[in-house]
N, C-alpha and C. Protein backbone atom coordinates (compact mmCIF):
# COMPACT_ATOMS: atom_id res chain seq x y z
N UNK A 1 -151.97 85.11 43.19
CA UNK A 1 -150.60 84.84 43.58
C UNK A 1 -150.43 83.34 43.80
N UNK A 2 -149.43 82.77 43.17
CA UNK A 2 -149.21 81.34 43.29
C UNK A 2 -148.06 81.00 44.23
N UNK A 3 -147.11 81.91 44.38
CA UNK A 3 -145.94 81.63 45.20
C UNK A 3 -145.63 82.82 46.11
N UNK A 4 -145.04 82.51 47.24
CA UNK A 4 -144.56 83.54 48.14
C UNK A 4 -143.05 83.34 48.30
N UNK A 5 -142.32 84.41 48.08
CA UNK A 5 -140.87 84.39 48.23
C UNK A 5 -140.45 85.13 49.50
N UNK A 6 -141.37 85.24 50.46
CA UNK A 6 -141.07 85.95 51.71
C UNK A 6 -139.85 85.38 52.42
N UNK A 7 -139.70 84.05 52.38
CA UNK A 7 -138.52 83.44 53.03
C UNK A 7 -137.23 83.91 52.36
N UNK A 8 -137.25 84.04 51.04
CA UNK A 8 -136.07 84.52 50.32
C UNK A 8 -135.78 85.97 50.67
N UNK A 9 -136.81 86.81 50.69
CA UNK A 9 -136.60 88.22 50.99
C UNK A 9 -136.01 88.39 52.41
N UNK A 10 -136.46 87.51 53.34
CA UNK A 10 -135.90 87.55 54.69
C UNK A 10 -134.42 87.17 54.68
N UNK A 11 -134.06 86.17 53.88
CA UNK A 11 -132.65 85.79 53.76
C UNK A 11 -131.82 86.96 53.25
N UNK A 12 -132.37 87.67 52.24
CA UNK A 12 -131.64 88.82 51.68
C UNK A 12 -131.45 89.90 52.75
N UNK A 13 -132.49 90.14 53.55
CA UNK A 13 -132.38 91.15 54.63
C UNK A 13 -131.32 90.72 55.64
N UNK A 14 -131.35 89.44 56.03
CA UNK A 14 -130.38 88.93 57.01
C UNK A 14 -128.95 89.04 56.49
N UNK A 15 -128.78 88.87 55.18
CA UNK A 15 -127.44 88.95 54.57
C UNK A 15 -127.09 90.39 54.16
N UNK A 16 -128.04 91.31 54.42
CA UNK A 16 -127.85 92.72 54.02
C UNK A 16 -127.52 92.83 52.53
N UNK A 17 -128.30 92.09 51.74
CA UNK A 17 -128.10 92.06 50.31
C UNK A 17 -129.28 92.74 49.61
N UNK A 18 -129.02 93.61 48.67
CA UNK A 18 -130.09 94.26 47.91
C UNK A 18 -130.61 93.28 46.85
N UNK A 19 -131.81 93.58 46.37
CA UNK A 19 -132.36 92.75 45.30
C UNK A 19 -131.50 92.84 44.04
N UNK A 20 -130.91 94.01 43.80
CA UNK A 20 -130.05 94.17 42.63
C UNK A 20 -128.79 93.31 42.76
N UNK A 21 -128.17 93.31 43.93
CA UNK A 21 -127.00 92.45 44.15
C UNK A 21 -127.38 90.98 44.04
N UNK A 22 -128.55 90.64 44.56
CA UNK A 22 -129.07 89.28 44.45
C UNK A 22 -129.26 88.90 42.99
N UNK A 23 -129.86 89.81 42.21
CA UNK A 23 -130.11 89.56 40.79
C UNK A 23 -128.81 89.28 40.05
N UNK A 24 -127.79 90.08 40.34
CA UNK A 24 -126.49 89.91 39.69
C UNK A 24 -125.86 88.58 40.12
N UNK A 25 -125.97 88.25 41.39
CA UNK A 25 -125.40 87.00 41.92
C UNK A 25 -125.97 85.77 41.19
N UNK A 26 -127.29 85.76 40.99
CA UNK A 26 -127.92 84.58 40.38
C UNK A 26 -128.06 84.71 38.86
N UNK A 27 -127.56 85.81 38.31
CA UNK A 27 -127.60 86.06 36.86
C UNK A 27 -129.02 85.99 36.32
N UNK A 28 -129.91 86.74 36.96
CA UNK A 28 -131.32 86.79 36.56
C UNK A 28 -131.62 88.14 35.94
N UNK A 29 -132.66 88.18 35.14
CA UNK A 29 -133.08 89.45 34.53
C UNK A 29 -133.92 90.25 35.52
N UNK A 30 -134.01 91.56 35.31
CA UNK A 30 -134.90 92.37 36.15
C UNK A 30 -136.35 91.88 36.07
N UNK A 31 -136.74 91.34 34.92
CA UNK A 31 -138.10 90.82 34.75
C UNK A 31 -138.36 89.65 35.69
N UNK A 32 -137.36 88.80 35.86
CA UNK A 32 -137.51 87.65 36.76
C UNK A 32 -137.69 88.12 38.20
N UNK A 33 -136.90 89.09 38.62
CA UNK A 33 -137.01 89.61 39.99
C UNK A 33 -138.38 90.28 40.18
N UNK A 34 -138.84 91.01 39.17
CA UNK A 34 -140.17 91.64 39.24
C UNK A 34 -141.26 90.58 39.34
N UNK A 35 -141.13 89.50 38.58
CA UNK A 35 -142.12 88.42 38.63
C UNK A 35 -142.15 87.78 40.01
N UNK A 36 -140.98 87.62 40.61
CA UNK A 36 -140.92 87.07 41.96
C UNK A 36 -141.60 88.00 42.95
N UNK A 37 -141.43 89.30 42.75
CA UNK A 37 -142.08 90.28 43.62
C UNK A 37 -143.59 90.21 43.54
N UNK A 38 -144.11 89.77 42.37
CA UNK A 38 -145.56 89.63 42.17
C UNK A 38 -146.08 88.26 42.60
N UNK A 39 -145.15 87.35 42.96
CA UNK A 39 -145.57 86.01 43.36
C UNK A 39 -145.73 85.06 42.20
N UNK A 40 -145.18 85.42 41.05
CA UNK A 40 -145.25 84.52 39.89
C UNK A 40 -144.20 83.42 40.02
N UNK A 41 -144.41 82.36 39.26
CA UNK A 41 -143.46 81.26 39.26
C UNK A 41 -142.19 81.63 38.53
N UNK A 42 -141.13 80.92 38.80
CA UNK A 42 -139.85 81.14 38.13
C UNK A 42 -139.41 79.82 37.49
N UNK A 43 -138.48 79.92 36.58
CA UNK A 43 -138.02 78.71 35.89
C UNK A 43 -137.19 77.84 36.83
N UNK A 44 -137.16 76.56 36.57
CA UNK A 44 -136.31 75.67 37.38
C UNK A 44 -134.84 76.07 37.32
N UNK A 45 -134.39 76.62 36.20
CA UNK A 45 -132.99 77.05 36.09
C UNK A 45 -132.68 78.17 37.08
N UNK A 46 -133.59 79.14 37.19
CA UNK A 46 -133.39 80.24 38.14
C UNK A 46 -133.45 79.71 39.57
N UNK A 47 -134.41 78.84 39.82
CA UNK A 47 -134.53 78.24 41.15
C UNK A 47 -133.24 77.49 41.52
N UNK A 48 -132.67 76.79 40.56
CA UNK A 48 -131.41 76.08 40.80
C UNK A 48 -130.29 77.05 41.15
N UNK A 49 -130.22 78.16 40.43
CA UNK A 49 -129.15 79.14 40.70
C UNK A 49 -129.31 79.77 42.09
N UNK A 50 -130.55 80.01 42.50
CA UNK A 50 -130.79 80.58 43.84
C UNK A 50 -130.37 79.58 44.90
N UNK A 51 -130.82 78.33 44.75
CA UNK A 51 -130.50 77.31 45.75
C UNK A 51 -129.00 77.05 45.81
N UNK A 52 -128.32 77.10 44.67
CA UNK A 52 -126.87 76.92 44.64
C UNK A 52 -126.17 78.08 45.35
N UNK A 53 -126.63 79.31 45.07
CA UNK A 53 -126.00 80.49 45.67
C UNK A 53 -126.14 80.50 47.19
N UNK A 54 -127.28 80.05 47.70
CA UNK A 54 -127.52 80.10 49.15
C UNK A 54 -127.42 78.73 49.82
N UNK A 55 -127.02 77.73 49.06
CA UNK A 55 -126.87 76.37 49.60
C UNK A 55 -128.13 75.97 50.37
N UNK A 56 -129.26 76.00 49.66
CA UNK A 56 -130.53 75.70 50.31
C UNK A 56 -131.43 74.88 49.39
N UNK A 57 -132.58 74.53 49.87
CA UNK A 57 -133.59 73.81 49.12
C UNK A 57 -134.72 74.77 48.74
N UNK A 58 -135.51 74.46 47.67
CA UNK A 58 -136.60 75.36 47.26
C UNK A 58 -137.54 75.75 48.38
N UNK A 59 -137.85 74.82 49.27
CA UNK A 59 -138.75 75.12 50.38
C UNK A 59 -138.18 76.11 51.38
N UNK A 60 -136.86 76.31 51.33
CA UNK A 60 -136.23 77.28 52.23
C UNK A 60 -136.42 78.72 51.75
N UNK A 61 -136.77 78.89 50.47
CA UNK A 61 -136.85 80.25 49.91
C UNK A 61 -138.23 80.61 49.36
N UNK A 62 -139.09 79.61 49.16
CA UNK A 62 -140.40 79.90 48.58
C UNK A 62 -141.46 78.98 49.14
N UNK A 63 -142.70 79.39 48.91
CA UNK A 63 -143.84 78.62 49.40
C UNK A 63 -144.96 78.74 48.37
N UNK A 64 -145.65 77.64 48.12
CA UNK A 64 -146.79 77.67 47.20
C UNK A 64 -148.02 78.14 47.95
N UNK A 65 -148.70 79.12 47.38
CA UNK A 65 -149.94 79.66 47.96
C UNK A 65 -151.08 79.32 46.99
N UNK A 66 -151.92 78.34 47.31
CA UNK A 66 -153.02 78.00 46.40
C UNK A 66 -153.98 79.17 46.21
N UNK A 67 -154.41 79.37 44.98
CA UNK A 67 -155.37 80.42 44.66
C UNK A 67 -156.76 79.81 44.76
N UNK A 68 -157.48 80.12 45.81
CA UNK A 68 -158.79 79.53 46.04
C UNK A 68 -159.91 80.30 45.37
N UNK A 69 -159.62 81.46 44.79
CA UNK A 69 -160.67 82.28 44.17
C UNK A 69 -160.92 81.94 42.72
N UNK A 70 -160.02 81.24 42.09
CA UNK A 70 -160.14 80.99 40.66
C UNK A 70 -160.61 79.57 40.38
N UNK A 71 -161.55 79.43 39.47
CA UNK A 71 -162.02 78.11 39.06
C UNK A 71 -160.96 77.38 38.25
N UNK A 72 -160.06 78.12 37.63
CA UNK A 72 -159.03 77.52 36.79
C UNK A 72 -157.96 76.81 37.60
N UNK A 73 -157.87 77.07 38.87
CA UNK A 73 -156.80 76.49 39.68
C UNK A 73 -157.31 75.43 40.64
N UNK A 74 -158.36 74.71 40.24
CA UNK A 74 -158.84 73.63 41.08
C UNK A 74 -157.75 72.56 41.18
N UNK A 75 -157.63 71.91 42.32
CA UNK A 75 -156.66 70.83 42.43
C UNK A 75 -157.01 69.70 41.46
N UNK A 76 -156.00 69.02 40.98
CA UNK A 76 -156.21 67.91 40.04
C UNK A 76 -156.97 66.81 40.77
N UNK A 77 -158.07 66.36 40.17
CA UNK A 77 -158.91 65.36 40.84
C UNK A 77 -158.80 63.99 40.19
N UNK A 78 -157.89 63.79 39.29
CA UNK A 78 -157.73 62.49 38.65
C UNK A 78 -158.16 62.52 37.21
N UNK A 79 -158.09 61.39 36.60
CA UNK A 79 -158.43 61.29 35.18
C UNK A 79 -159.93 61.21 34.99
N UNK A 80 -160.40 61.70 33.86
CA UNK A 80 -161.82 61.62 33.54
C UNK A 80 -162.18 60.16 33.28
N UNK A 81 -163.32 59.76 33.74
CA UNK A 81 -163.77 58.39 33.52
C UNK A 81 -164.32 58.26 32.11
N UNK A 82 -164.02 57.15 31.42
CA UNK A 82 -164.57 56.96 30.08
C UNK A 82 -166.08 56.81 30.15
N UNK A 83 -166.76 57.16 29.07
CA UNK A 83 -168.21 57.07 29.06
C UNK A 83 -168.70 55.64 28.87
N UNK A 84 -167.84 54.76 28.32
CA UNK A 84 -168.19 53.35 28.20
C UNK A 84 -166.92 52.52 28.31
N UNK A 85 -167.05 51.24 28.60
CA UNK A 85 -165.86 50.40 28.75
C UNK A 85 -165.04 50.34 27.46
N UNK A 86 -163.75 50.14 27.61
CA UNK A 86 -162.85 50.08 26.45
C UNK A 86 -163.29 49.00 25.46
N UNK A 87 -163.78 47.87 25.95
CA UNK A 87 -164.18 46.76 25.07
C UNK A 87 -165.27 47.21 24.09
N UNK A 88 -166.12 48.15 24.50
CA UNK A 88 -167.15 48.64 23.59
C UNK A 88 -166.58 49.56 22.52
N UNK A 89 -165.53 50.29 22.85
CA UNK A 89 -164.88 51.11 21.83
C UNK A 89 -164.23 50.21 20.78
N UNK A 90 -163.63 49.12 21.22
CA UNK A 90 -162.94 48.21 20.31
C UNK A 90 -163.91 47.59 19.30
N UNK A 91 -165.17 47.40 19.67
CA UNK A 91 -166.16 46.82 18.76
C UNK A 91 -166.46 47.74 17.58
N UNK A 92 -166.30 49.03 17.75
CA UNK A 92 -166.65 49.98 16.70
C UNK A 92 -165.52 50.19 15.70
N UNK A 93 -164.34 49.64 15.97
CA UNK A 93 -163.19 49.83 15.09
C UNK A 93 -163.04 48.60 14.22
N UNK A 94 -163.01 48.82 12.89
CA UNK A 94 -162.84 47.69 11.98
C UNK A 94 -161.39 47.26 11.99
N UNK A 95 -161.14 45.97 11.78
CA UNK A 95 -159.75 45.51 11.70
C UNK A 95 -159.02 46.21 10.56
N UNK A 96 -157.72 46.35 10.69
CA UNK A 96 -156.92 47.05 9.70
C UNK A 96 -157.06 46.43 8.32
N UNK A 97 -157.12 45.11 8.23
CA UNK A 97 -157.18 44.44 6.93
C UNK A 97 -158.45 44.81 6.16
N UNK A 98 -159.53 45.12 6.86
CA UNK A 98 -160.78 45.52 6.19
C UNK A 98 -160.58 46.84 5.44
N UNK A 99 -159.76 47.72 5.97
CA UNK A 99 -159.53 49.01 5.34
C UNK A 99 -158.61 48.90 4.13
N UNK A 100 -157.74 47.92 4.12
CA UNK A 100 -156.75 47.83 3.06
C UNK A 100 -157.26 47.09 1.84
N UNK A 101 -158.42 46.44 1.91
CA UNK A 101 -158.95 45.70 0.76
C UNK A 101 -159.21 46.61 -0.43
N UNK A 102 -159.65 47.82 -0.18
CA UNK A 102 -159.98 48.73 -1.27
C UNK A 102 -158.78 49.54 -1.76
N UNK A 103 -157.63 49.39 -1.15
CA UNK A 103 -156.45 50.14 -1.55
C UNK A 103 -155.75 49.42 -2.69
N UNK A 104 -155.47 50.15 -3.76
CA UNK A 104 -154.78 49.58 -4.91
C UNK A 104 -153.28 49.62 -4.68
N UNK A 105 -152.59 48.68 -5.26
CA UNK A 105 -151.14 48.70 -5.17
C UNK A 105 -150.61 49.79 -6.09
N UNK A 106 -149.35 50.12 -5.93
CA UNK A 106 -148.73 51.16 -6.76
C UNK A 106 -148.78 50.79 -8.23
N UNK A 107 -148.50 49.51 -8.56
CA UNK A 107 -148.53 49.09 -9.97
C UNK A 107 -149.94 49.15 -10.54
N UNK A 108 -150.95 48.83 -9.74
CA UNK A 108 -152.34 48.93 -10.21
C UNK A 108 -152.73 50.37 -10.48
N UNK A 109 -152.24 51.30 -9.65
CA UNK A 109 -152.58 52.71 -9.84
C UNK A 109 -151.93 53.27 -11.09
N UNK A 110 -150.79 52.73 -11.49
CA UNK A 110 -150.06 53.27 -12.63
C UNK A 110 -150.33 52.54 -13.94
N UNK A 111 -151.26 51.54 -13.93
CA UNK A 111 -151.61 50.87 -15.17
C UNK A 111 -152.39 51.83 -16.07
N UNK A 112 -152.10 51.84 -17.33
CA UNK A 112 -152.87 52.72 -18.22
C UNK A 112 -154.30 52.22 -18.33
N UNK A 113 -155.22 53.12 -18.37
CA UNK A 113 -156.62 52.77 -18.55
C UNK A 113 -156.89 52.52 -20.03
N UNK A 114 -158.08 52.03 -20.33
CA UNK A 114 -158.44 51.75 -21.75
C UNK A 114 -158.36 53.03 -22.57
N UNK A 115 -158.79 54.16 -22.03
CA UNK A 115 -158.75 55.42 -22.75
C UNK A 115 -157.32 55.85 -23.03
N UNK A 116 -156.43 55.59 -22.10
CA UNK A 116 -155.04 55.99 -22.28
C UNK A 116 -154.35 55.11 -23.30
N UNK A 117 -154.78 53.84 -23.44
CA UNK A 117 -154.19 52.93 -24.42
C UNK A 117 -154.53 53.37 -25.84
N UNK A 118 -155.65 54.02 -26.04
CA UNK A 118 -156.09 54.42 -27.37
C UNK A 118 -155.36 55.64 -27.88
N UNK A 119 -154.73 56.40 -27.04
CA UNK A 119 -154.09 57.65 -27.43
C UNK A 119 -152.84 57.41 -28.22
């Protein structure tokens, strides 16, 4: 579970509003409401419609619950360090002009060869 919508469900209870009436109010699909019941994330558009309907902020209706059991959800620890300094990578790249010396121009590619001249 990544999110808790317990604050939202409490608001619905306080307003004596059913989940179905809530769904209709925010123009959400039944799938979205079911996903919220499971603690799944919702789209920013749905979140905007909820906050607009209840004149609130996202933190007033939901809470992020970190999943500590999964290796896939480790907190971001920063960028990977390069294995060698950038200057050493630059030494291994030939200048662009070195690559273009062997490239023929369009007119050179379309010149007839000796065999083609004999035909």
